[in-house]
Structure formats: C-alpha cells, structure tokens
Protein backbone atom coordinates (compact mmCIF):
# COMPACT_ATOMS: atom_id res chain seq x y z
CA MET A 1 87.68 65.03 78.49
CA THR A 2 83.95 64.79 78.93
CA GLU A 3 82.70 64.33 82.25
CA SER A 4 78.93 64.57 83.57
CA ASN A 5 77.62 65.65 86.69
CA ASP A 6 74.28 67.24 87.90
CA ASN A 7 75.85 70.53 88.92
CA ALA A 8 77.65 70.70 85.44
CA CYS A 9 77.72 74.17 83.28
CA PRO A 10 76.07 73.63 80.30
CA LEU A 11 79.04 75.17 78.04
CA SER A 12 82.38 73.58 77.52
CA GLN A 13 85.42 74.96 79.16
CA ARG A 14 86.17 76.50 75.73
CA GLU A 15 82.83 78.14 75.45
CA ILE A 16 83.27 79.70 78.97
CA ILE A 17 86.70 80.98 78.18
CA ASP A 18 85.64 82.62 74.99
CA THR A 19 82.84 84.01 76.58
CA TYR A 20 84.18 85.28 79.68
CA PHE A 21 87.97 85.47 79.04
CA MET A 22 88.15 89.22 78.56
CA GLU A 23 85.84 90.43 81.58
CA ASN A 24 87.91 88.04 83.84
CA ARG A 25 91.14 89.46 82.28
CA SER A 26 89.91 92.71 83.21
CA ARG A 27 89.04 91.89 86.76
CA ILE A 28 92.55 90.43 87.45
CA LEU A 29 94.30 93.45 86.54
CA ASP A 30 92.10 95.64 88.49
CA VAL A 31 93.52 93.38 91.33
CA ALA A 32 97.08 93.76 90.45
CA ALA A 33 96.92 97.56 90.01
CA PHE A 34 95.11 97.56 93.33
CA LEU A 35 98.19 95.31 95.05
CA ASP A 36 100.63 97.30 93.02
CA ARG A 37 99.24 100.67 94.45
CA LEU A 38 99.50 98.85 98.19
CA GLU A 39 103.12 98.03 97.08
CA ARG A 40 103.95 101.56 96.22
CA ALA A 41 102.16 103.33 99.14
CA ARG A 42 104.45 105.68 100.89
CA VAL A 43 103.64 104.32 104.39
CA LYS A 44 103.39 100.37 104.49
CA ASP A 45 100.95 100.43 107.70
CA ALA A 46 98.52 97.72 106.47
CA GLU A 47 100.32 94.27 106.98
CA ASP A 48 97.78 93.76 110.18
CA ASP A 49 94.80 94.94 108.78
CA PHE A 50 91.96 92.34 108.55
CA ARG A 51 90.80 93.52 105.21
CA PHE A 52 94.20 92.84 103.92
CA ARG A 53 94.92 89.88 105.46
CA ALA A 54 91.42 88.52 103.94
CA LEU A 55 92.25 89.56 100.59
CA ARG A 56 95.44 87.61 100.85
CA GLU A 57 93.56 84.55 102.09
CA ALA A 58 91.11 84.95 99.53
CA MET A 59 93.40 85.22 96.80
CA GLN A 60 95.20 81.76 98.17
CA ALA A 61 91.78 80.30 97.99
CA LEU A 62 91.35 81.36 94.55
CA VAL A 63 94.35 79.49 93.23
CA GLY A 64 93.53 76.58 94.93
CA ASP A 65 91.71 73.54 94.03
CA SER A 66 88.85 73.52 95.95
CA ALA A 67 85.27 72.70 94.13
CA THR A 68 83.84 75.32 96.47
CA ARG A 69 86.08 78.15 96.02
CA THR A 70 83.19 80.73 95.67
CA LYS A 71 81.86 79.65 98.76
CA ASP A 72 85.21 79.61 100.57
CA ILE A 73 85.95 82.72 99.28
CA GLN A 74 82.65 84.36 100.23
CA MET A 75 83.13 83.27 103.51
CA ILE A 76 86.47 84.65 103.90
CA LEU A 77 85.06 88.23 102.68
CA SER A 78 82.27 88.04 105.10
CA ASP A 79 81.53 88.71 108.75
CA PRO A 80 79.75 85.75 110.02
CA LYS A 81 78.48 87.67 113.17
CA THR A 82 74.85 87.93 113.60
CA ASP A 83 74.55 89.90 117.01
CA LEU A 84 73.13 93.45 116.75
CA LEU A 85 75.30 96.28 117.50
CA ASP A 86 74.03 98.96 119.98
CA GLU A 87 74.57 101.64 117.48
CA ARG A 88 75.83 101.57 114.19
CA ASP A 89 79.51 102.04 113.93
CA GLN A 90 79.82 103.36 110.50
CA GLN A 91 77.75 103.75 107.27
CA SER A 92 78.62 100.19 105.42
CA ALA A 93 80.08 97.04 105.74
CA ASP A 94 83.68 95.97 106.07
CA GLY A 95 83.75 92.95 103.65
CA ALA A 96 85.62 90.64 105.84
CA ALA A 97 85.43 89.96 109.54
CA ARG A 98 87.14 92.02 112.17
CA GLU A 99 89.03 90.09 114.73
C-alpha cells in the first residue's frame, strides 16, 4: 500500500527494515536482558519505583498504535517540572518524573 503525506519518511518500510532491523533487534534484546535481570533479582523491591513504573508505561506506549509514540514515550520518560531546586539533589537526572 502506498500512502503520501508531508511527514512521510523517504524510505519504504522494506528499506527501513533492511537498514535498521539489526540495530533495533539489539536494542530490544538489551531491554529484554535488563527486564530479565530485574526478574531474577534476589530482592524484589522496585515495584513501586517511579523509574520502573515509567519504563512499564513506556513499553505499553511502544507497542501501541499511536502516531506520536516517540513523543508519548519521551514525555513518559521526562520530568516536566521546570522549577529550580534550592540545591542539587544528585549528579544527574532521573530520566522520569518522581511523584
């Protein structure tokens, strides 16, 4: 099926798969390995961790059929707060919003 729109990628689906399949296969395997390690952890103490919840929500968005899944996932894995802290609470960002 051929569709035309202003936001269309210049490559066909087949060309995209031919070009990017292996690198994305690797990424999915990395995520699967991460989830397997979490499952095999001796202590299951992260079920309520905001980052773990954000990853689960992002994975649900990933397999959805939204035309804006990249934006949706970026927002899930971002902290929307813009207020400044009185002092830095750690060296780097969390990668998701604390509740």
